[in-house]
Amino acid sequence: MSHLLHIDSSALSQGSVSKELAETFRRVWAENNPQGTVTHRDLGTVPVPHLTEAGVTAGFTPHVAMNREQQAATLLRDVLIEELLAADAVLVSTPMYNWSIPSTLKAWIDQVLVNDRTITFDGSPGPLAGRPATVVASYGGGYSPGAPMERANHCGPYLETVFSTGLGMQTEVISAQLSLAPRVPAMADLVPLAEQSRAAAHQAVAERARTLATALVSA
């Protein structure tokens, strides 16, 4: 039985393109892996705390020497890390906010990236090495390769660094571009391109979910 960790990070409860893409992944995943289990965290609804001084220093303090704040911070990180380590596959949905990721998602990343727990600094494979991670992202503008704003994309490339370079996971980033076109009058002429990008993203997400679910069921 395979297990999926699903992280949402949009602040929107309705009308989120990134959550919509994640829903497509989940639907196809369930169709091809009906016995699989899922842990879902919606960081927009229930955010995890940003990393504090107690959380940082706890990582360098023996447990017996920790103060109360360090112990509490460690307990929280342990819960989040165990959720990540228990996953056979990871799904992260995110919008781009101000050329980057939501602060809620950054807070989660800061909580789970811990040396000798999820990442290593000596070049050896970490515990998540080789497992699949899928990032589904929505961009209000156009940030695809070759676009004038490509270099301002600090969302998808950053998350690929986190999951691929940092955690050693087999990572794919799928994005829907121009998601603000239907809402912004100045972008009205881009609506057809936005619709094409959104449809292509749903298709790519469905294929990714189908491939991963089938492979894990057969493993």
N, C-alpha and C. Protein backbone atom coordinates (compact mmCIF):
# COMPACT_ATOMS: atom_id res chain seq x y z
N MET A 1 0.85 -1.19 0.00
CA MET A 1 0.00 0.00 0.00
C MET A 1 0.88 1.24 0.00
N SER A 2 0.68 2.13 -0.97
CA SER A 2 1.51 3.33 -1.08
C SER A 2 0.84 4.52 -0.40
N HIS A 3 1.68 5.45 0.01
CA HIS A 3 1.20 6.60 0.79
C HIS A 3 1.65 7.90 0.14
N LEU A 4 0.71 8.84 -0.01
CA LEU A 4 0.97 10.14 -0.62
C LEU A 4 0.88 11.23 0.43
N LEU A 5 1.88 12.11 0.46
CA LEU A 5 1.81 13.33 1.27
C LEU A 5 1.44 14.47 0.34
N HIS A 6 0.32 15.11 0.61
CA HIS A 6 -0.20 16.19 -0.23
C HIS A 6 -0.16 17.50 0.55
N ILE A 7 0.59 18.47 0.04
CA ILE A 7 0.72 19.78 0.67
C ILE A 7 0.13 20.84 -0.25
N ASP A 8 -0.89 21.56 0.23
CA ASP A 8 -1.42 22.73 -0.47
C ASP A 8 -0.92 23.98 0.23
N SER A 9 -0.76 25.07 -0.54
CA SER A 9 -0.25 26.29 0.10
C SER A 9 -0.94 27.57 -0.34
N SER A 10 -1.92 27.48 -1.24
CA SER A 10 -2.64 28.68 -1.64
C SER A 10 -3.42 29.26 -0.48
N ALA A 11 -3.50 30.58 -0.42
CA ALA A 11 -4.31 31.23 0.61
C ALA A 11 -5.79 31.18 0.29
N LEU A 12 -6.14 30.81 -0.95
CA LEU A 12 -7.53 30.80 -1.38
C LEU A 12 -8.22 29.49 -1.02
N SER A 13 -9.44 29.60 -0.49
CA SER A 13 -10.24 28.40 -0.25
C SER A 13 -11.06 28.04 -1.48
N GLN A 14 -11.32 29.01 -2.36
CA GLN A 14 -12.06 28.79 -3.59
C GLN A 14 -11.32 29.47 -4.74
N GLY A 15 -11.41 28.87 -5.92
CA GLY A 15 -10.84 29.50 -7.11
C GLY A 15 -9.35 29.41 -7.25
N SER A 16 -8.71 28.52 -6.52
CA SER A 16 -7.26 28.36 -6.61
C SER A 16 -6.90 27.43 -7.77
N VAL A 17 -6.11 27.92 -8.70
CA VAL A 17 -5.69 27.09 -9.83
C VAL A 17 -4.73 26.00 -9.38
N SER A 18 -3.84 26.32 -8.46
CA SER A 18 -2.88 25.30 -8.00
C SER A 18 -3.61 24.17 -7.27
N LYS A 19 -4.61 24.50 -6.46
CA LYS A 19 -5.38 23.46 -5.78
C LYS A 19 -6.19 22.65 -6.78
N GLU A 20 -6.67 23.30 -7.81
CA GLU A 20 -7.42 22.62 -8.87
C GLU A 20 -6.54 21.57 -9.55
N LEU A 21 -5.29 21.94 -9.82
CA LEU A 21 -4.36 20.98 -10.42
C LEU A 21 -4.08 19.83 -9.46
N ALA A 22 -3.94 20.14 -8.18
CA ALA A 22 -3.71 19.08 -7.19
C ALA A 22 -4.90 18.14 -7.11
N GLU A 23 -6.11 18.67 -7.25
CA GLU A 23 -7.30 17.83 -7.23
C GLU A 23 -7.30 16.85 -8.40
N THR A 24 -6.84 17.31 -9.56
CA THR A 24 -6.72 16.40 -10.70
C THR A 24 -5.74 15.29 -10.40
N PHE A 25 -4.60 15.65 -9.81
CA PHE A 25 -3.62 14.63 -9.43
C PHE A 25 -4.24 13.63 -8.48
N ARG A 26 -4.91 14.11 -7.44
CA ARG A 26 -5.49 13.22 -6.44
C ARG A 26 -6.54 12.30 -7.04
N ARG A 27 -7.37 12.83 -7.94
CA ARG A 27 -8.41 12.00 -8.55
C ARG A 27 -7.81 10.87 -9.37
N VAL A 28 -6.84 11.20 -10.21
CA VAL A 28 -6.22 10.17 -11.05
C VAL A 28 -5.39 9.22 -10.20
N TRP A 29 -4.73 9.73 -9.19
CA TRP A 29 -3.97 8.89 -8.25
C TRP A 29 -4.89 7.85 -7.62
N ALA A 30 -6.04 8.29 -7.12
CA ALA A 30 -6.98 7.38 -6.45
C ALA A 30 -7.55 6.35 -7.42
N GLU A 31 -7.80 6.77 -8.66
CA GLU A 31 -8.34 5.84 -9.65
C GLU A 31 -7.36 4.71 -9.94
N ASN A 32 -6.08 5.01 -9.91
CA ASN A 32 -5.06 4.02 -10.25
C ASN A 32 -4.39 3.40 -9.03
N ASN A 33 -4.76 3.87 -7.85
CA ASN A 33 -4.17 3.36 -6.61
C ASN A 33 -5.24 3.39 -5.52
N PRO A 34 -6.32 2.62 -5.71
CA PRO A 34 -7.48 2.72 -4.81
C PRO A 34 -7.19 2.33 -3.37
N GLN A 35 -6.16 1.55 -3.13
CA GLN A 35 -5.83 1.14 -1.77
C GLN A 35 -4.83 2.09 -1.10
N GLY A 36 -4.38 3.08 -1.85
CA GLY A 36 -3.39 4.01 -1.30
C GLY A 36 -3.98 4.92 -0.24
N THR A 37 -3.11 5.48 0.58
CA THR A 37 -3.53 6.40 1.64
C THR A 37 -2.91 7.77 1.40
N VAL A 38 -3.52 8.79 2.00
CA VAL A 38 -3.08 10.16 1.78
C VAL A 38 -3.06 10.93 3.10
N THR A 39 -1.99 11.68 3.31
CA THR A 39 -1.95 12.69 4.37
C THR A 39 -2.00 14.05 3.70
N HIS A 40 -2.98 14.87 4.06
CA HIS A 40 -3.17 16.17 3.41
C HIS A 40 -2.98 17.30 4.41
N ARG A 41 -2.12 18.24 4.06
CA ARG A 41 -1.95 19.46 4.85
C ARG A 41 -2.26 20.66 3.97
N ASP A 42 -3.23 21.45 4.38
CA ASP A 42 -3.55 22.70 3.69
C ASP A 42 -2.93 23.84 4.50
N LEU A 43 -1.78 24.30 4.06
CA LEU A 43 -1.04 25.32 4.81
C LEU A 43 -1.71 26.68 4.77
N GLY A 44 -2.58 26.90 3.77
CA GLY A 44 -3.31 28.15 3.73
C GLY A 44 -4.37 28.23 4.80
N THR A 45 -4.90 27.06 5.18
CA THR A 45 -5.94 27.00 6.21
C THR A 45 -5.34 26.80 7.60
N VAL A 46 -4.40 25.88 7.69
CA VAL A 46 -3.74 25.60 8.97
C VAL A 46 -2.23 25.72 8.77
N PRO A 47 -1.68 26.92 8.84
CA PRO A 47 -0.24 27.09 8.60
C PRO A 47 0.59 26.52 9.74
N VAL A 48 1.78 26.08 9.38
CA VAL A 48 2.72 25.66 10.43
C VAL A 48 3.54 26.88 10.83
N PRO A 49 4.04 26.92 12.05
CA PRO A 49 4.80 28.10 12.50
C PRO A 49 6.10 28.28 11.71
N HIS A 50 6.48 29.52 11.55
CA HIS A 50 7.80 29.79 10.99
C HIS A 50 8.87 29.34 11.99
N LEU A 51 10.03 29.02 11.46
CA LEU A 51 11.13 28.56 12.29
C LEU A 51 11.55 29.66 13.26
N THR A 52 11.72 29.30 14.51
CA THR A 52 12.10 30.26 15.55
C THR A 52 13.53 29.99 16.02
N GLU A 53 14.01 30.86 16.89
CA GLU A 53 15.33 30.64 17.48
C GLU A 53 15.37 29.31 18.22
N ALA A 54 14.29 28.98 18.92
CA ALA A 54 14.25 27.71 19.64
C ALA A 54 14.36 26.53 18.69
N GLY A 55 13.69 26.64 17.54
CA GLY A 55 13.75 25.56 16.57
C GLY A 55 15.13 25.40 15.96
N VAL A 56 15.77 26.53 15.67
CA VAL A 56 17.12 26.47 15.09
C VAL A 56 18.12 25.90 16.08
N THR A 57 18.12 26.43 17.29
CA THR A 57 19.12 26.00 18.27
C THR A 57 18.87 24.59 18.78
N ALA A 58 17.63 24.13 18.72
CA ALA A 58 17.34 22.76 19.17
C ALA A 58 18.07 21.73 18.33
N GLY A 59 18.31 22.08 17.06
CA GLY A 59 19.01 21.15 16.19
C GLY A 59 20.46 20.93 16.57
N PHE A 60 20.99 21.78 17.42
CA PHE A 60 22.39 21.66 17.83
C PHE A 60 22.51 21.44 19.34
N THR A 61 21.41 21.06 19.96
CA THR A 61 21.38 20.89 21.42
C THR A 61 20.98 19.47 21.79
N PRO A 62 21.75 18.78 22.63
CA PRO A 62 21.33 17.45 23.09
C PRO A 62 19.96 17.53 23.75
N HIS A 63 19.16 16.49 23.57
CA HIS A 63 17.78 16.53 24.07
C HIS A 63 17.73 16.80 25.58
N VAL A 64 18.65 16.21 26.30
CA VAL A 64 18.62 16.37 27.77
C VAL A 64 18.93 17.81 28.19
N ALA A 65 19.54 18.58 27.29
CA ALA A 65 19.91 19.95 27.62
C ALA A 65 18.93 20.98 27.06
N MET A 66 17.88 20.53 26.36
CA MET A 66 16.94 21.46 25.74
C MET A 66 16.06 22.14 26.79
N ASN A 67 15.76 23.41 26.54
CA ASN A 67 14.79 24.09 27.38
C ASN A 67 13.37 23.78 26.87
N ARG A 68 12.37 24.32 27.54
CA ARG A 68 10.99 23.99 27.21
C ARG A 68 10.63 24.42 25.79
N GLU A 69 11.08 25.59 25.37
CA GLU A 69 10.77 26.08 24.03
C GLU A 69 11.43 25.21 22.97
N GLN A 70 12.65 24.78 23.20
CA GLN A 70 13.33 23.90 22.25
C GLN A 70 12.64 22.55 22.15
N GLN A 71 12.18 22.02 23.26
CA GLN A 71 11.47 20.74 23.25
C GLN A 71 10.18 20.85 22.45
N ALA A 72 9.43 21.94 22.64
CA ALA A 72 8.18 22.13 21.90
C ALA A 72 8.44 22.26 20.41
N ALA A 73 9.48 23.01 20.05
CA ALA A 73 9.82 23.17 18.65
C ALA A 73 10.23 21.85 18.02
N THR A 74 10.96 21.03 18.77
CA THR A 74 11.39 19.73 18.27
C THR A 74 10.21 18.79 18.06
N LEU A 75 9.24 18.83 18.96
CA LEU A 75 8.05 17.98 18.82
C LEU A 75 7.30 18.30 17.53
N LEU A 76 7.15 19.59 17.23
CA LEU A 76 6.47 19.99 16.00
C LEU A 76 7.24 19.52 14.78
N ARG A 77 8.55 19.74 14.76
CA ARG A 77 9.35 19.33 13.61
C ARG A 77 9.31 17.82 13.43
N ASP A 78 9.31 17.09 14.54
CA ASP A 78 9.26 15.63 14.45
C ASP A 78 7.98 15.17 13.75
N VAL A 79 6.85 15.79 14.08
CA VAL A 79 5.58 15.42 13.44
C VAL A 79 5.65 15.65 11.94
N LEU A 80 6.12 16.82 11.53
CA LEU A 80 6.19 17.16 10.11
C LEU A 80 7.20 16.29 9.38
N ILE A 81 8.33 16.03 10.00
CA ILE A 81 9.36 15.20 9.37
C ILE A 81 8.88 13.77 9.22
N GLU A 82 8.22 13.23 10.22
CA GLU A 82 7.72 11.86 10.13
C GLU A 82 6.67 11.73 9.04
N GLU A 83 5.84 12.75 8.86
CA GLU A 83 4.88 12.74 7.75
C GLU A 83 5.60 12.66 6.42
N LEU A 84 6.66 13.42 6.28
CA LEU A 84 7.43 13.43 5.04
C LEU A 84 8.13 12.10 4.81
N LEU A 85 8.77 11.57 5.84
CA LEU A 85 9.51 10.32 5.69
C LEU A 85 8.58 9.14 5.42
N ALA A 86 7.34 9.23 5.86
CA ALA A 86 6.39 8.13 5.66
C ALA A 86 5.82 8.09 4.25
N ALA A 87 6.07 9.13 3.46
CA ALA A 87 5.46 9.23 2.14
C ALA A 87 6.25 8.46 1.08
N ASP A 88 5.53 7.70 0.28
CA ASP A 88 6.13 7.07 -0.90
C ASP A 88 6.21 8.06 -2.05
N ALA A 89 5.37 9.08 -2.01
CA ALA A 89 5.36 10.14 -3.02
C ALA A 89 4.86 11.42 -2.37
N VAL A 90 5.30 12.55 -2.91
CA VAL A 90 4.93 13.86 -2.36
C VAL A 90 4.32 14.71 -3.46
N LEU A 91 3.20 15.36 -3.14
CA LEU A 91 2.54 16.30 -4.04
C LEU A 91 2.49 17.65 -3.35
N VAL A 92 3.01 18.68 -4.01
CA VAL A 92 2.97 20.04 -3.46
C VAL A 92 2.29 20.95 -4.47
N SER A 93 1.26 21.65 -4.04
CA SER A 93 0.63 22.64 -4.92
C SER A 93 0.92 24.03 -4.37
N THR A 94 1.24 24.94 -5.29
CA THR A 94 1.61 26.29 -4.85
C THR A 94 1.29 27.32 -5.92
N PRO A 95 0.82 28.48 -5.52
CA PRO A 95 0.79 29.62 -6.43
C PRO A 95 2.12 30.35 -6.36
N MET A 96 2.35 31.22 -7.31
CA MET A 96 3.46 32.16 -7.18
C MET A 96 2.92 33.44 -6.55
N TYR A 97 3.51 33.83 -5.44
CA TYR A 97 3.17 35.10 -4.80
C TYR A 97 4.38 36.01 -4.86
N ASN A 98 4.25 37.12 -5.58
CA ASN A 98 5.34 38.11 -5.65
C ASN A 98 6.65 37.47 -6.07
N TRP A 99 6.57 36.67 -7.12
CA TRP A 99 7.71 36.02 -7.77
C TRP A 99 8.32 34.87 -6.96
N SER A 100 7.68 34.47 -5.88
CA SER A 100 8.23 33.40 -5.05
C SER A 100 7.09 32.50 -4.57
N ILE A 101 7.37 31.71 -3.54
CA ILE A 101 6.37 30.81 -2.99
C ILE A 101 5.68 31.47 -1.79
N PRO A 102 4.50 30.99 -1.39
CA PRO A 102 3.86 31.52 -0.19
C PRO A 102 4.75 31.30 1.04
N SER A 103 4.69 32.23 1.97
CA SER A 103 5.51 32.10 3.17
C SER A 103 5.12 30.87 3.98
N THR A 104 3.88 30.44 3.86
CA THR A 104 3.44 29.24 4.58
C THR A 104 4.18 28.00 4.09
N LEU A 105 4.41 27.93 2.78
CA LEU A 105 5.16 26.80 2.23
C LEU A 105 6.63 26.88 2.63
N LYS A 106 7.18 28.08 2.62
CA LYS A 106 8.57 28.25 3.06
C LYS A 106 8.72 27.84 4.52
N ALA A 107 7.72 28.15 5.35
CA ALA A 107 7.78 27.75 6.75
C ALA A 107 7.80 26.23 6.88
N TRP A 108 6.98 25.55 6.09
CA TRP A 108 6.96 24.08 6.13
C TRP A 108 8.32 23.52 5.70
N ILE A 109 8.87 24.07 4.63
CA ILE A 109 10.18 23.61 4.15
C ILE A 109 11.24 23.80 5.22
N ASP A 110 11.25 24.96 5.86
CA ASP A 110 12.24 25.22 6.90
C ASP A 110 12.10 24.26 8.08
N GLN A 111 10.88 23.81 8.34
CA GLN A 111 10.67 22.88 9.45
C GLN A 111 11.14 21.47 9.10
N VAL A 112 11.04 21.06 7.84
CA VAL A 112 11.34 19.65 7.50
C VAL A 112 12.74 19.42 6.97
N LEU A 113 13.44 20.46 6.56
CA LEU A 113 14.81 20.26 6.08
C LEU A 113 15.76 20.28 7.28
N VAL A 114 16.13 19.11 7.73
CA VAL A 114 16.98 18.98 8.91
C VAL A 114 18.12 18.03 8.60
N ASN A 115 19.34 18.48 8.86
CA ASN A 115 20.51 17.65 8.59
C ASN A 115 20.45 16.34 9.38
N ASP A 116 20.78 15.26 8.69
CA ASP A 116 20.81 13.90 9.23
C ASP A 116 19.41 13.35 9.53
N ARG A 117 18.38 14.12 9.19
CA ARG A 117 17.01 13.61 9.29
C ARG A 117 16.41 13.45 7.90
N THR A 118 16.43 14.52 7.13
CA THR A 118 15.88 14.48 5.78
C THR A 118 16.92 14.84 4.71
N ILE A 119 17.96 15.56 5.09
CA ILE A 119 19.01 15.93 4.15
C ILE A 119 20.37 15.56 4.74
N THR A 120 21.36 15.50 3.87
CA THR A 120 22.73 15.22 4.31
C THR A 120 23.66 16.24 3.68
N PHE A 121 24.75 16.52 4.34
CA PHE A 121 25.74 17.46 3.84
C PHE A 121 27.04 16.78 3.43
N ASP A 122 27.08 15.44 3.53
CA ASP A 122 28.31 14.74 3.20
C ASP A 122 28.26 14.06 1.83
N GLY A 123 27.21 14.33 1.07
CA GLY A 123 27.09 13.75 -0.26
C GLY A 123 26.42 12.40 -0.31
N SER A 124 26.14 11.81 0.83
CA SER A 124 25.48 10.50 0.84
C SER A 124 23.99 10.68 0.58
N PRO A 125 23.32 9.65 0.01
CA PRO A 125 21.89 9.77 -0.26
C PRO A 125 21.08 9.92 1.03
N GLY A 126 20.11 10.79 1.00
CA GLY A 126 19.22 10.97 2.15
C GLY A 126 18.11 9.93 2.13
N PRO A 127 17.28 9.89 3.16
CA PRO A 127 16.24 8.87 3.26
C PRO A 127 15.15 8.97 2.21
N LEU A 128 15.01 10.13 1.57
CA LEU A 128 13.98 10.31 0.55
C LEU A 128 14.53 10.21 -0.87
N ALA A 129 15.80 9.92 -0.99
CA ALA A 129 16.44 9.87 -2.31
C ALA A 129 15.72 8.89 -3.23
N GLY A 130 15.39 9.36 -4.42
CA GLY A 130 14.77 8.52 -5.42
C GLY A 130 13.26 8.46 -5.37
N ARG A 131 12.66 8.91 -4.29
CA ARG A 131 11.20 8.92 -4.23
C ARG A 131 10.65 10.06 -5.09
N PRO A 132 9.45 9.92 -5.62
CA PRO A 132 8.92 10.95 -6.52
C PRO A 132 8.29 12.13 -5.78
N ALA A 133 8.56 13.31 -6.27
CA ALA A 133 7.92 14.53 -5.80
C ALA A 133 7.34 15.26 -7.00
N THR A 134 6.12 15.73 -6.87
CA THR A 134 5.45 16.47 -7.93
C THR A 134 5.05 17.83 -7.41
N VAL A 135 5.48 18.87 -8.10
CA VAL A 135 5.11 20.24 -7.76
C VAL A 135 4.16 20.76 -8.83
N VAL A 136 2.97 21.19 -8.43
CA VAL A 136 2.04 21.81 -9.38
C VAL A 136 1.92 23.28 -8.99
N ALA A 137 2.21 24.16 -9.93
CA ALA A 137 2.30 25.58 -9.63
C ALA A 137 1.43 26.39 -10.58
N SER A 138 0.88 27.47 -10.07
CA SER A 138 0.14 28.41 -10.91
C SER A 138 0.84 29.76 -10.87
N TYR A 139 1.03 30.33 -12.05
CA TYR A 139 1.69 31.62 -12.18
C TYR A 139 0.69 32.62 -12.76
N GLY A 140 0.54 33.77 -12.11
CA GLY A 140 -0.39 34.77 -12.61
C GLY A 140 0.01 35.32 -13.96
N GLY A 141 1.32 35.42 -14.22
CA GLY A 141 1.84 35.89 -15.49
C GLY A 141 2.49 34.78 -16.28
N GLY A 142 3.35 35.16 -17.21
CA GLY A 142 4.04 34.18 -18.05
C GLY A 142 5.50 34.07 -17.66
N TYR A 143 5.90 32.90 -17.18
CA TYR A 143 7.27 32.68 -16.71
C TYR A 143 7.88 31.43 -17.33
N SER A 144 7.33 30.99 -18.45
CA SER A 144 7.84 29.79 -19.11
C SER A 144 9.20 30.08 -19.73
N PRO A 145 9.98 29.03 -20.04
CA PRO A 145 11.29 29.24 -20.65
C PRO A 145 11.20 30.11 -21.90
N GLY A 146 12.04 31.13 -21.94
CA GLY A 146 12.05 32.04 -23.07
C GLY A 146 11.18 33.27 -22.90
N ALA A 147 10.32 33.27 -21.88
CA ALA A 147 9.46 34.43 -21.64
C ALA A 147 10.28 35.58 -21.06
N PRO A 148 9.86 36.83 -21.30
CA PRO A 148 10.62 37.97 -20.77
C PRO A 148 10.82 37.93 -19.26
N MET A 149 9.86 37.33 -18.54
CA MET A 149 9.94 37.29 -17.07
C MET A 149 10.48 35.97 -16.55
N GLU A 150 11.05 35.15 -17.39
CA GLU A 150 11.54 33.84 -16.96
C GLU A 150 12.47 33.93 -15.75
N ARG A 151 13.37 34.91 -15.76
CA ARG A 151 14.37 35.01 -14.69
C ARG A 151 13.76 35.46 -13.36
N ALA A 152 12.52 35.93 -13.39
CA ALA A 152 11.86 36.34 -12.16
C ALA A 152 11.11 35.19 -11.49
N ASN A 153 11.21 34.01 -12.06
CA ASN A 153 10.51 32.85 -11.50
C ASN A 153 11.35 32.26 -10.37
N HIS A 154 10.98 32.60 -9.15
CA HIS A 154 11.65 32.05 -7.97
C HIS A 154 10.73 31.08 -7.23
N CYS A 155 9.85 30.46 -7.99
CA CYS A 155 8.89 29.51 -7.43
C CYS A 155 9.26 28.09 -7.86
N GLY A 156 8.97 27.73 -9.10
CA GLY A 156 9.27 26.38 -9.57
C GLY A 156 10.73 25.99 -9.46
N PRO A 157 11.66 26.83 -9.96
CA PRO A 157 13.08 26.46 -9.85
C PRO A 157 13.54 26.29 -8.41
N TYR A 158 13.05 27.13 -7.52
CA TYR A 158 13.42 27.00 -6.10
C TYR A 158 12.93 25.67 -5.53
N LEU A 159 11.68 25.32 -5.81
CA LEU A 159 11.14 24.07 -5.29
C LEU A 159 11.82 22.86 -5.91
N GLU A 160 12.24 22.98 -7.16
CA GLU A 160 13.00 21.89 -7.76
C GLU A 160 14.34 21.72 -7.03
N THR A 161 14.95 22.82 -6.64
CA THR A 161 16.19 22.74 -5.86
C THR A 161 15.94 22.07 -4.52
N VAL A 162 14.87 22.45 -3.84
CA VAL A 162 14.56 21.87 -2.53
C VAL A 162 14.38 20.36 -2.63
N PHE A 163 13.51 19.93 -3.54
CA PHE A 163 13.14 18.52 -3.58
C PHE A 163 14.15 17.66 -4.34
N SER A 164 14.71 18.19 -5.40
CA SER A 164 15.65 17.40 -6.20
C SER A 164 17.06 17.46 -5.62
N THR A 165 17.60 18.66 -5.45
CA THR A 165 18.96 18.80 -4.94
C THR A 165 19.03 18.54 -3.44
N GLY A 166 18.11 19.15 -2.69
CA GLY A 166 18.15 19.02 -1.24
C GLY A 166 17.77 17.65 -0.73
N LEU A 167 16.62 17.15 -1.20
CA LEU A 167 16.10 15.88 -0.70
C LEU A 167 16.44 14.70 -1.59
N GLY A 168 16.95 14.96 -2.78
CA GLY A 168 17.33 13.88 -3.68
C GLY A 168 16.16 13.16 -4.31
N MET A 169 15.00 13.82 -4.34
CA MET A 169 13.81 13.18 -4.88
C MET A 169 13.74 13.33 -6.39
N GLN A 170 13.03 12.43 -7.01
CA GLN A 170 12.80 12.48 -8.46
C GLN A 170 11.65 13.46 -8.68
N THR A 171 11.99 14.68 -9.10
CA THR A 171 11.06 15.80 -9.04
C THR A 171 10.62 16.26 -10.42
N GLU A 172 9.32 16.54 -10.53
CA GLU A 172 8.77 17.16 -11.74
C GLU A 172 7.93 18.36 -11.34
N VAL A 173 8.16 19.48 -12.01
CA VAL A 173 7.39 20.70 -11.78
C VAL A 173 6.48 20.93 -12.97
N ILE A 174 5.18 21.05 -12.71
CA ILE A 174 4.18 21.28 -13.75
C ILE A 174 3.48 22.59 -13.43
N SER A 175 3.39 23.48 -14.42
CA SER A 175 2.83 24.80 -14.12
C SER A 175 1.74 25.19 -15.10
N ALA A 176 0.80 25.98 -14.59
CA ALA A 176 -0.20 26.67 -15.41
C ALA A 176 0.16 28.15 -15.42
N GLN A 177 0.37 28.68 -16.61
CA GLN A 177 0.81 30.06 -16.75
C GLN A 177 -0.39 31.00 -16.97
N LEU A 178 -0.18 32.28 -16.68
CA LEU A 178 -1.14 33.34 -17.01
C LEU A 178 -2.48 33.18 -16.30
N SER A 179 -2.46 32.66 -15.09
CA SER A 179 -3.73 32.37 -14.41
C SER A 179 -4.53 33.62 -14.05
N LEU A 180 -3.89 34.79 -14.06
CA LEU A 180 -4.61 36.03 -13.76
C LEU A 180 -5.29 36.64 -14.99
N ALA A 181 -5.04 36.09 -16.16
CA ALA A 181 -5.58 36.68 -17.39
C ALA A 181 -7.10 36.84 -17.36
N PRO A 182 -7.86 35.85 -16.87
CA PRO A 182 -9.32 36.03 -16.86
C PRO A 182 -9.80 37.11 -15.89
N ARG A 183 -8.96 37.55 -14.97
CA ARG A 183 -9.38 38.51 -13.94
C ARG A 183 -8.84 39.92 -14.17
N VAL A 184 -7.79 40.05 -14.96
CA VAL A 184 -7.13 41.34 -15.15
C VAL A 184 -7.45 41.86 -16.55
N PRO A 185 -8.19 42.97 -16.66
CA PRO A 185 -8.57 43.48 -17.98
C PRO A 185 -7.39 43.69 -18.93
N ALA A 186 -6.27 44.14 -18.41
CA ALA A 186 -5.11 44.40 -19.27
C ALA A 186 -4.54 43.12 -19.88
N MET A 187 -4.92 41.96 -19.32
CA MET A 187 -4.42 40.68 -19.83
C MET A 187 -5.47 39.94 -20.65
N ALA A 188 -6.55 40.63 -21.02
CA ALA A 188 -7.68 39.96 -21.68
C ALA A 188 -7.27 39.23 -22.96
N ASP A 189 -6.34 39.80 -23.71
CA ASP A 189 -5.94 39.15 -24.95
C ASP A 189 -5.13 37.88 -24.72
N LEU A 190 -4.73 37.65 -23.46
CA LEU A 190 -3.95 36.45 -23.14
C LEU A 190 -4.81 35.30 -22.62
N VAL A 191 -6.13 35.53 -22.53
CA VAL A 191 -7.01 34.49 -22.00
C VAL A 191 -6.91 33.18 -22.79
N PRO A 192 -6.90 33.20 -24.13
CA PRO A 192 -6.77 31.93 -24.85
C PRO A 192 -5.48 31.18 -24.49
N LEU A 193 -4.38 31.90 -24.36
CA LEU A 193 -3.12 31.25 -23.99
C LEU A 193 -3.20 30.70 -22.56
N ALA A 194 -3.86 31.44 -21.68
CA ALA A 194 -4.03 30.97 -20.31
C ALA A 194 -4.84 29.68 -20.27
N GLU A 195 -5.90 29.62 -21.05
CA GLU A 195 -6.73 28.42 -21.10
C GLU A 195 -5.96 27.24 -21.65
N GLN A 196 -5.14 27.49 -22.67
CA GLN A 196 -4.31 26.41 -23.23
C GLN A 196 -3.32 25.90 -22.20
N SER A 197 -2.68 26.83 -21.49
CA SER A 197 -1.69 26.43 -20.49
C SER A 197 -2.34 25.64 -19.36
N ARG A 198 -3.51 26.07 -18.94
CA ARG A 198 -4.22 25.39 -17.86
C ARG A 198 -4.62 23.97 -18.27
N ALA A 199 -5.15 23.84 -19.49
CA ALA A 199 -5.54 22.52 -19.98
C ALA A 199 -4.33 21.60 -20.11
N ALA A 200 -3.23 22.14 -20.62
CA ALA A 200 -2.02 21.34 -20.77
C ALA A 200 -1.48 20.91 -19.41
N ALA A 201 -1.58 21.79 -18.42
CA ALA A 201 -1.12 21.45 -17.07
C ALA A 201 -1.96 20.33 -16.48
N HIS A 202 -3.27 20.39 -16.65
CA HIS A 202 -4.13 19.32 -16.14
C HIS A 202 -3.79 17.99 -16.81
N GLN A 203 -3.53 18.03 -18.10
CA GLN A 203 -3.17 16.80 -18.81
C GLN A 203 -1.85 16.24 -18.30
N ALA A 204 -0.87 17.12 -18.11
CA ALA A 204 0.44 16.67 -17.62
C ALA A 204 0.34 16.14 -16.19
N VAL A 205 -0.46 16.80 -15.36
CA VAL A 205 -0.64 16.35 -13.98
C VAL A 205 -1.30 14.99 -13.94
N ALA A 206 -2.33 14.80 -14.76
CA ALA A 206 -3.02 13.51 -14.79
C ALA A 206 -2.08 12.39 -15.23
N GLU A 207 -1.27 12.66 -16.22
CA GLU A 207 -0.33 11.64 -16.70
C GLU A 207 0.72 11.32 -15.64
N ARG A 208 1.19 12.34 -14.96
CA ARG A 208 2.17 12.13 -13.89
C ARG A 208 1.56 11.28 -12.77
N ALA A 209 0.35 11.60 -12.36
CA ALA A 209 -0.31 10.84 -11.29
C ALA A 209 -0.53 9.40 -11.71
N ARG A 210 -0.97 9.21 -12.94
CA ARG A 210 -1.23 7.86 -13.44
C ARG A 210 0.06 7.04 -13.46
N THR A 211 1.12 7.63 -13.95
CA THR A 211 2.40 6.92 -14.05
C THR A 211 2.93 6.54 -12.67
N LEU A 212 2.90 7.49 -11.74
CA LEU A 212 3.43 7.22 -10.40
C LEU A 212 2.58 6.20 -9.65
N ALA A 213 1.27 6.36 -9.71
CA ALA A 213 0.39 5.44 -8.98
C ALA A 213 0.53 4.02 -9.51
N THR A 214 0.59 3.89 -10.82
CA THR A 214 0.73 2.57 -11.42
C THR A 214 2.06 1.93 -11.03
N ALA A 215 3.12 2.73 -11.05
CA ALA A 215 4.44 2.20 -10.69
C ALA A 215 4.49 1.76 -9.24
N LEU A 216 3.88 2.53 -8.35
CA LEU A 216 3.92 2.19 -6.93
C LEU A 216 3.06 0.97 -6.63
N VAL A 217 1.94 0.84 -7.31
CA VAL A 217 1.09 -0.34 -7.12
C VAL A 217 1.81 -1.60 -7.58
N SER A 218 2.60 -1.46 -8.65
CA SER A 218 3.30 -2.62 -9.23
C SER A 218 4.58 -2.95 -8.49
N ALA A 219 5.05 -2.04 -7.66
CA ALA A 219 6.34 -2.24 -6.98
C ALA A 219 6.27 -3.37 -5.96
